[in-house]
Amino acid sequence: METKARVVLYSKQGCHLCEEMKAEMSKAGCADLYSLEEINIETDAVLFARYRFEIPVLWINGVESFRHRLLAEEFKAR
């Protein structure tokens, strides 16, 4: 049995780039291969300071993999 990848998306409410990133992830058609945890940086002062001007940031299995934008094909390949 294959283990799902752990995907963490750092974002915040009203972020259009975050919405675009989630749409590209959905378009990749591989949602069954990962579990997604979305973290609102506005709920944590440390995360807000770290990512305030950098979101969206996507980590896959503990490794920062994408920042600001991704394409469906790149996400699926990763």
C-alpha atoms as a PDB file:
ATOM      1  CA  MET A   1       0.000   0.000   0.000  1.00  0.00           C
ATOM      2  CA  GLU A   2       1.395   3.355  -1.050  1.00  0.00           C
ATOM      3  CA  THR A   3       1.564   6.112   1.565  1.00  0.00           C
ATOM      4  CA  LYS A   4       0.021   9.434   0.637  1.00  0.00           C
ATOM      5  CA  ALA A   5       2.284  12.446   0.388  1.00  0.00           C
ATOM      6  CA  ARG A   6       1.802  15.044   3.116  1.00  0.00           C
ATOM      7  CA  VAL A   7       1.159  18.415   1.486  1.00  0.00           C
ATOM      8  CA  VAL A   8       1.032  21.598   3.562  1.00  0.00           C
ATOM      9  CA  LEU A   9      -0.151  24.871   2.040  1.00  0.00           C
ATOM     10  CA  TYR A  10       0.640  28.080   3.907  1.00  0.00           C
ATOM     11  CA  SER A  11      -1.925  30.687   2.925  1.00  0.00           C
ATOM     12  CA  LYS A  12      -4.353  33.277   4.248  1.00  0.00           C
ATOM     13  CA  GLN A  13      -7.924  34.370   3.599  1.00  0.00           C
ATOM     14  CA  GLY A  14      -8.428  36.516   0.507  1.00  0.00           C
ATOM     15  CA  CYS A  15      -5.170  35.465  -1.157  1.00  0.00           C
ATOM     16  CA  HIS A  16      -5.824  35.161  -4.897  1.00  0.00           C
ATOM     17  CA  LEU A  17      -2.487  33.437  -5.541  1.00  0.00           C
ATOM     18  CA  CYS A  18      -3.420  30.828  -2.924  1.00  0.00           C
ATOM     19  CA  GLU A  19      -6.692  30.164  -4.726  1.00  0.00           C
ATOM     20  CA  GLU A  20      -4.846  29.874  -8.047  1.00  0.00           C
ATOM     21  CA  MET A  21      -2.398  27.401  -6.529  1.00  0.00           C
ATOM     22  CA  LYS A  22      -5.222  25.239  -5.146  1.00  0.00           C
ATOM     23  CA  ALA A  23      -6.943  25.320  -8.557  1.00  0.00           C
ATOM     24  CA  GLU A  24      -3.748  24.120 -10.286  1.00  0.00           C
ATOM     25  CA  MET A  25      -3.359  21.363  -7.687  1.00  0.00           C
ATOM     26  CA  SER A  26      -6.914  20.255  -8.389  1.00  0.00           C
ATOM     27  CA  LYS A  27      -6.312  20.400 -12.139  1.00  0.00           C
ATOM     28  CA  ALA A  28      -3.372  18.006 -11.696  1.00  0.00           C
ATOM     29  CA  GLY A  29      -5.881  15.227 -11.032  1.00  0.00           C
ATOM     30  CA  CYS A  30      -3.844  13.461  -8.365  1.00  0.00           C
ATOM     31  CA  ALA A  31      -5.748  14.306  -5.161  1.00  0.00           C
ATOM     32  CA  ASP A  32      -5.821  10.627  -4.219  1.00  0.00           C
ATOM     33  CA  LEU A  33      -2.013  10.656  -3.883  1.00  0.00           C
ATOM     34  CA  TYR A  34      -1.741  13.273  -1.130  1.00  0.00           C
ATOM     35  CA  SER A  35      -3.376  14.648   1.984  1.00  0.00           C
ATOM     36  CA  LEU A  36      -3.630  18.427   2.114  1.00  0.00           C
ATOM     37  CA  GLU A  37      -3.332  20.539   5.244  1.00  0.00           C
ATOM     38  CA  GLU A  38      -3.971  24.234   4.695  1.00  0.00           C
ATOM     39  CA  ILE A  39      -2.532  26.534   7.358  1.00  0.00           C
ATOM     40  CA  ASN A  40      -3.688  30.122   7.722  1.00  0.00           C
ATOM     41  CA  ILE A  41      -0.546  32.129   8.528  1.00  0.00           C
ATOM     42  CA  GLU A  42      -2.645  34.817  10.205  1.00  0.00           C
ATOM     43  CA  THR A  43      -3.313  32.480  13.153  1.00  0.00           C
ATOM     44  CA  ASP A  44       0.371  32.207  14.119  1.00  0.00           C
ATOM     45  CA  ALA A  45       2.680  35.213  14.653  1.00  0.00           C
ATOM     46  CA  VAL A  46       5.825  33.252  13.715  1.00  0.00           C
ATOM     47  CA  LEU A  47       4.315  31.936  10.486  1.00  0.00           C
ATOM     48  CA  PHE A  48       2.939  35.373   9.657  1.00  0.00           C
ATOM     49  CA  ALA A  49       6.379  36.946  10.105  1.00  0.00           C
ATOM     50  CA  ARG A  50       8.007  34.218   8.000  1.00  0.00           C
ATOM     51  CA  TYR A  51       5.512  34.073   5.114  1.00  0.00           C
ATOM     52  CA  ARG A  52       3.715  37.427   5.164  1.00  0.00           C
ATOM     53  CA  PHE A  53       4.925  38.452   1.702  1.00  0.00           C
ATOM     54  CA  GLU A  54       5.710  34.966   0.385  1.00  0.00           C
ATOM     55  CA  ILE A  55       2.409  33.071   0.274  1.00  0.00           C
ATOM     56  CA  PRO A  56       1.347  30.731  -1.036  1.00  0.00           C
ATOM     57  CA  VAL A  57       4.085  28.340   0.034  1.00  0.00           C
ATOM     58  CA  LEU A  58       3.636  24.609  -0.535  1.00  0.00           C
ATOM     59  CA  TRP A  59       5.590  21.922   1.297  1.00  0.00           C
ATOM     60  CA  ILE A  60       5.565  18.286   0.212  1.00  0.00           C
ATOM     61  CA  ASN A  61       6.722  15.686   2.739  1.00  0.00           C
ATOM     62  CA  GLY A  62       8.567  18.293   4.803  1.00  0.00           C
ATOM     63  CA  VAL A  63      10.330  19.989   1.883  1.00  0.00           C
ATOM     64  CA  GLU A  64       9.440  23.412   0.525  1.00  0.00           C
ATOM     65  CA  SER A  65       8.478  22.626  -3.056  1.00  0.00           C
ATOM     66  CA  PHE A  66       6.652  25.654  -4.482  1.00  0.00           C
ATOM     67  CA  ARG A  67       6.389  29.336  -3.655  1.00  0.00           C
ATOM     68  CA  HIS A  68       3.922  31.821  -5.181  1.00  0.00           C
ATOM     69  CA  ARG A  69       2.882  29.701  -8.192  1.00  0.00           C
ATOM     70  CA  LEU A  70       2.853  26.193  -9.565  1.00  0.00           C
ATOM     71  CA  LEU A  71       1.620  24.491 -12.691  1.00  0.00           C
ATOM     72  CA  ALA A  72      -0.539  21.378 -12.560  1.00  0.00           C
ATOM     73  CA  GLU A  73       2.049  19.333 -14.473  1.00  0.00           C
ATOM     74  CA  GLU A  74       4.883  20.389 -12.128  1.00  0.00           C
ATOM     75  CA  PHE A  75       2.820  19.544  -9.058  1.00  0.00           C
ATOM     76  CA  LYS A  76       1.835  16.137 -10.385  1.00  0.00           C
ATOM     77  CA  ALA A  77       5.457  15.331 -11.305  1.00  0.00           C
ATOM     78  CA  ARG A  78       6.662  16.283  -7.829  1.00  0.00           C
END
